[in-house]
């Protein structure tokens, strides 16, 4: 209950990774973390060769990462 938003996000992502999931559905998964941690998280998920990752984000860190295919919906 005493964790910050960023700490909760990091904890949830760590649990998901440790559970060895094959599919990750991420919705603004790095919105509350600091820039260094955001880069580390994006690097981790964009370098996954054994998992499928669908990340919804407007953050440039995700949009400019190598290996990311951007799909824009709407206008």
Protein backbone atom coordinates (compact mmCIF):
# COMPACT_ATOMS: atom_id res chain seq x y z
CA UNK A 1 0.00 0.00 0.00
CA UNK A 2 2.97 2.31 0.61
CA UNK A 3 4.52 1.81 -2.84
CA UNK A 4 4.64 4.60 -5.40
CA UNK A 5 3.05 4.20 -8.82
CA UNK A 6 6.43 3.50 -10.41
CA UNK A 7 7.30 0.91 -7.78
CA UNK A 8 3.97 -0.84 -8.37
CA UNK A 9 4.61 -0.88 -12.13
CA UNK A 10 8.12 -2.31 -11.70
CA UNK A 11 6.83 -4.96 -9.30
CA UNK A 12 4.00 -6.02 -11.61
CA UNK A 13 6.35 -6.26 -14.59
CA UNK A 14 8.92 -8.22 -12.58
CA UNK A 15 6.28 -10.72 -11.46
CA UNK A 16 5.03 -11.17 -15.04
CA UNK A 17 8.57 -11.74 -16.33
CA UNK A 18 9.44 -14.16 -13.53
CA UNK A 19 6.29 -16.16 -14.26
CA UNK A 20 7.73 -16.82 -17.72
CA UNK A 21 4.69 -15.73 -19.68
CA UNK A 22 4.65 -16.20 -23.45
CA UNK A 23 2.43 -13.19 -24.12
CA UNK A 24 2.61 -9.72 -22.58
CA UNK A 25 -0.19 -7.16 -23.02
CA UNK A 26 1.22 -3.86 -21.79
CA UNK A 27 -0.89 -0.71 -21.50
CA UNK A 28 1.26 2.32 -20.66
CA UNK A 29 3.45 -0.06 -18.67
CA UNK A 30 6.17 2.53 -18.09
CA UNK A 31 4.11 5.67 -17.49
CA UNK A 32 5.16 6.07 -13.84
CA UNK A 33 8.81 5.00 -13.94
CA UNK A 34 11.91 7.16 -14.30
CA UNK A 35 13.59 7.52 -17.73
CA UNK A 36 16.47 5.12 -16.96
CA UNK A 37 14.13 2.36 -15.78
CA UNK A 38 11.82 3.03 -18.72
CA UNK A 39 14.69 2.44 -21.14
CA UNK A 40 15.65 -0.78 -19.37
CA UNK A 41 12.07 -2.07 -19.47
CA UNK A 42 11.62 -1.18 -23.14
CA UNK A 43 14.96 -2.83 -23.99
CA UNK A 44 13.92 -5.97 -22.15
CA UNK A 45 10.61 -6.32 -23.93
CA UNK A 46 11.86 -5.31 -27.38
CA UNK A 47 14.63 -7.91 -27.16
CA UNK A 48 12.27 -10.76 -26.30
CA UNK A 49 12.68 -13.53 -28.82
CA UNK A 50 10.52 -16.05 -27.00
CA UNK A 51 7.52 -13.91 -26.12
CA UNK A 52 4.85 -11.96 -27.94
CA UNK A 53 4.59 -8.38 -26.70
CA UNK A 54 1.74 -6.00 -27.46
CA UNK A 55 2.46 -2.62 -25.89
CA UNK A 56 0.06 0.30 -26.02
CA UNK A 57 1.88 3.57 -25.48
CA UNK A 58 2.27 7.12 -26.67
CA UNK A 59 5.75 7.33 -25.14
CA UNK A 60 8.60 8.04 -27.57
CA UNK A 61 10.82 5.51 -25.79
CA UNK A 62 8.55 2.74 -27.01
CA UNK A 63 7.85 4.28 -30.40
CA UNK A 64 11.53 4.72 -31.31
CA UNK A 65 12.84 1.42 -29.97
CA UNK A 66 14.49 -0.99 -32.40
CA UNK A 67 12.32 -3.91 -33.35
CA UNK A 68 9.05 -2.12 -32.65
CA UNK A 69 6.34 -2.13 -35.25
CA UNK A 70 4.02 0.83 -34.74
CA UNK A 71 0.35 0.47 -35.55
CA UNK A 72 -1.65 3.68 -35.34
CA UNK A 73 -5.39 3.50 -34.78
CA UNK A 74 -7.88 6.26 -35.51
CA UNK A 75 -6.91 9.71 -36.71
